[in-house]
C-alpha cells in the first residue's frame, strides 16, 4: 500500500484534454487511491497519476509546504458542509448573502477546521469556532464570527450562551469538540 491523499509537486506529463495546468507547473492535487484502489493514484511515490478535476495550479508566490496538506482537508470540509445528507450548505460565493444561520466548528484553526471556517463563511453562514487562545486572530482572519477557547474552565457554558437561539444548523470539528456535541 502506498499512502497519502495530499500532493503538491510539478506536472511532468499529462494526458490529452488536461487543460487547467501546463507542464512543469507546480500544482496542488488530490490523489484518489482510496477511491480507485490503484497504487498509481497515491501520493507518497516518485510519480502519481491524478485526475484533472482534483488538480489546481499553485500561485508562484506560495511554497509547497504551505499548501501540501490542503487537498484532503478541503475535500473533507467541503463534503461535510455541502453533502445533502450532512449539512447541505449553499455553495460558497465570493460575496455571499448572510443567511442568519450559524455553524459550530470545533478546532477552527486545524487543517480541516480552517477550511470549514472559510467555506461556511463563503456560504453565508456565521461561524462560531473553538480553538486554543493563541489562534484566535488567525481564525478570525479566516472568517470566524466568534471564537472560544476550548481550554476555558467553562467552554460548554460559554458556547451555550453564544448559541442559545435556533440559528444553529450543525457542528463539525475535531476530537476536542466532542465535549460540546455529546
Protein backbone atom coordinates (compact mmCIF):
# COMPACT_ATOMS: atom_id res chain seq x y z
CA UNK A 1 0.00 0.00 0.00
CA UNK A 2 1.15 3.50 -0.81
CA UNK A 3 -0.42 6.22 1.30
CA UNK A 4 -1.40 9.89 1.18
CA UNK A 5 -4.23 11.91 -0.31
CA UNK A 6 -2.31 15.20 -0.48
CA UNK A 7 0.12 16.24 -3.19
CA UNK A 8 2.00 19.39 -4.16
CA UNK A 9 4.50 18.99 -6.98
CA UNK A 10 5.36 19.74 -10.60
CA UNK A 11 3.46 18.33 -13.56
CA UNK A 12 5.80 16.15 -15.64
CA UNK A 13 3.30 14.72 -18.07
CA UNK A 14 -0.42 14.96 -18.77
CA UNK A 15 -2.98 13.25 -20.91
CA UNK A 16 -4.82 14.83 -23.80
CA UNK A 17 -7.57 17.14 -22.62
CA UNK A 18 -5.79 18.14 -19.41
CA UNK A 19 -6.09 21.91 -19.78
CA UNK A 20 -6.06 23.51 -16.34
CA UNK A 21 -2.24 23.50 -15.94
CA UNK A 22 0.87 23.33 -18.08
CA UNK A 23 3.86 21.00 -17.98
CA UNK A 24 6.47 21.92 -15.33
CA UNK A 25 3.85 23.96 -13.48
CA UNK A 26 3.54 23.48 -9.71
CA UNK A 27 0.18 22.07 -8.73
CA UNK A 28 -1.85 21.02 -5.76
CA UNK A 29 -3.63 17.71 -6.33
CA UNK A 30 -5.93 15.31 -4.55
CA UNK A 31 -4.78 11.76 -5.36
CA UNK A 32 -7.68 9.32 -5.11
CA UNK A 33 -6.08 5.94 -4.36
CA UNK A 34 -8.63 5.36 -1.59
CA UNK A 35 -11.41 5.55 -4.20
CA UNK A 36 -9.74 3.73 -7.09
CA UNK A 37 -7.71 1.16 -5.15
CA UNK A 38 -4.83 1.79 -7.57
CA UNK A 39 -1.34 2.49 -6.22
CA UNK A 40 -0.58 4.86 -9.10
CA UNK A 41 -3.22 7.21 -7.62
CA UNK A 42 -1.42 7.54 -4.23
CA UNK A 43 0.91 10.43 -3.39
CA UNK A 44 3.89 9.02 -1.48
CA UNK A 45 5.93 7.97 -4.52
CA UNK A 46 8.03 9.50 -7.29
CA UNK A 47 5.18 9.82 -9.80
CA UNK A 48 1.45 9.96 -9.12
CA UNK A 49 -1.45 9.81 -11.55
CA UNK A 50 -4.15 12.34 -10.63
CA UNK A 51 -7.40 13.46 -12.20
CA UNK A 52 -7.61 16.95 -13.72
CA UNK A 53 -10.71 17.73 -11.62
CA UNK A 54 -8.69 17.28 -8.43
CA UNK A 55 -5.80 19.50 -9.54
CA UNK A 56 -5.14 23.23 -9.46
CA UNK A 57 -2.10 25.44 -10.05
CA UNK A 58 -0.20 26.76 -7.04
CA UNK A 59 0.42 30.51 -7.20
CA UNK A 60 4.10 31.23 -7.84
CA UNK A 61 4.49 33.09 -4.52
CA UNK A 62 3.27 30.10 -2.49
CA UNK A 63 5.55 27.29 -1.30
CA UNK A 64 4.69 23.58 -1.47
CA UNK A 65 4.95 23.36 2.31
CA UNK A 66 2.26 26.00 2.73
CA UNK A 67 -0.37 24.11 0.74
CA UNK A 68 0.63 20.44 0.69
CA UNK A 69 -1.97 19.44 3.29
CA UNK A 70 -4.85 21.27 1.61
CA UNK A 71 -6.35 18.74 -0.83
CA UNK A 72 -7.70 16.28 1.73
CA UNK A 73 -8.63 18.96 4.28
CA UNK A 74 -10.54 21.00 1.70
CA UNK A 75 -12.39 17.97 0.34
CA UNK A 76 -13.20 16.72 3.85
CA UNK A 77 -14.58 20.10 4.92
CA UNK A 78 -16.42 20.60 1.62
CA UNK A 79 -18.05 17.16 1.78
CA UNK A 80 -19.09 17.65 5.40
CA UNK A 81 -20.64 21.03 4.73
CA UNK A 82 -22.21 20.57 1.30
CA UNK A 83 -23.48 16.99 1.04
CA UNK A 84 -27.28 16.79 1.13
CA UNK A 85 -27.26 14.05 3.78
CA UNK A 86 -24.99 16.14 6.04
CA UNK A 87 -25.29 19.93 6.43
CA UNK A 88 -26.25 20.80 2.83
CA UNK A 89 -24.87 24.36 2.95
CA UNK A 90 -25.19 26.57 -0.12
CA UNK A 91 -22.20 26.62 -2.44
CA UNK A 92 -19.51 29.15 -1.44
CA UNK A 93 -19.52 32.54 -3.18
CA UNK A 94 -17.12 35.46 -3.25
CA UNK A 95 -19.81 37.80 -1.88
CA UNK A 96 -22.29 35.55 -0.08
CA UNK A 97 -25.62 36.74 1.28
CA UNK A 98 -25.76 36.23 5.07
CA UNK A 99 -28.30 33.56 5.98
CA UNK A 100 -28.60 34.31 9.69
CA UNK A 101 -27.67 30.69 10.40
CA UNK A 102 -24.64 29.60 12.44
CA UNK A 103 -22.24 26.66 12.43
CA UNK A 104 -20.10 25.48 15.32
CA UNK A 105 -16.62 24.49 14.13
CA UNK A 106 -14.53 22.61 16.67
CA UNK A 107 -10.80 23.03 16.12
CA UNK A 108 -11.27 26.08 13.89
CA UNK A 109 -7.52 26.54 13.38
CA UNK A 110 -6.73 22.95 12.39
CA UNK A 111 -6.34 21.77 8.80
CA UNK A 112 -9.98 20.72 8.28
CA UNK A 113 -11.41 23.27 10.72
CA UNK A 114 -9.74 26.22 9.00
CA UNK A 115 -11.14 25.07 5.65
CA UNK A 116 -14.61 24.63 7.21
CA UNK A 117 -14.47 28.17 8.63
CA UNK A 118 -13.65 29.62 5.20
CA UNK A 119 -16.15 27.53 3.26
CA UNK A 120 -19.01 28.15 5.71
CA UNK A 121 -18.29 31.88 5.75
CA UNK A 122 -18.27 31.92 1.94
CA UNK A 123 -21.65 30.15 2.07
CA UNK A 124 -23.16 32.98 4.13
CA UNK A 125 -23.08 31.09 7.43
CA UNK A 126 -21.94 32.69 10.70
CA UNK A 127 -19.12 30.66 12.22
CA UNK A 128 -18.58 30.06 15.93
CA UNK A 129 -15.27 28.27 16.42
CA UNK A 130 -13.49 26.59 19.30
CA UNK A 131 -9.71 26.56 19.38
CA UNK A 132 -6.81 27.48 21.61
CA UNK A 133 -6.49 31.11 22.57
CA UNK A 134 -3.20 31.54 20.70
CA UNK A 135 -5.02 31.00 17.36
CA UNK A 136 -7.95 33.41 17.89
CA UNK A 137 -6.71 36.09 15.48
CA UNK A 138 -5.83 33.54 12.80
CA UNK A 139 -9.32 32.04 12.93
CA UNK A 140 -10.98 35.46 12.87
CA UNK A 141 -8.94 36.34 9.76
CA UNK A 142 -10.32 33.19 8.13
CA UNK A 143 -13.85 34.48 8.77
CA UNK A 144 -14.99 33.16 12.17
CA UNK A 145 -17.53 35.50 13.77
CA UNK A 146 -16.93 34.29 17.32
CA UNK A 147 -14.08 32.27 18.80
CA UNK A 148 -13.93 30.39 22.10
CA UNK A 149 -11.06 28.81 23.97
CA UNK A 150 -11.67 25.07 24.30
CA UNK A 151 -9.33 25.12 27.29
CA UNK A 152 -11.59 27.57 29.13
CA UNK A 153 -12.85 26.46 32.56
CA UNK A 154 -16.42 26.75 31.22
CA UNK A 155 -16.40 26.01 27.46
CA UNK A 156 -19.86 24.44 27.44
CA UNK A 157 -21.43 27.39 29.24
CA UNK A 158 -19.63 29.89 27.01
CA UNK A 159 -20.89 28.16 23.88
CA UNK A 160 -24.41 27.69 25.21
CA UNK A 161 -24.64 31.44 25.83
CA UNK A 162 -23.41 32.24 22.31
CA UNK A 163 -25.58 29.63 20.59
CA UNK A 164 -28.80 29.87 22.59
CA UNK A 165 -31.14 30.66 19.72
CA UNK A 166 -32.38 28.40 16.93
CA UNK A 167 -29.99 29.68 14.29
CA UNK A 168 -27.51 26.80 14.73
CA UNK A 169 -27.59 24.44 11.76
CA UNK A 170 -24.97 21.99 12.97
CA UNK A 171 -21.47 21.34 14.17
CA UNK A 172 -18.30 19.86 12.77
CA UNK A 173 -14.87 19.52 14.21
CA UNK A 174 -12.01 17.71 15.78
CA UNK A 175 -11.61 15.46 18.81
CA UNK A 176 -11.70 18.32 21.35
CA UNK A 177 -15.09 19.48 20.05
CA UNK A 178 -16.77 16.26 21.23
CA UNK A 179 -17.35 17.67 24.68
CA UNK A 180 -19.73 20.19 23.15
CA UNK A 181 -21.61 17.73 20.98
CA UNK A 182 -22.27 14.93 23.47
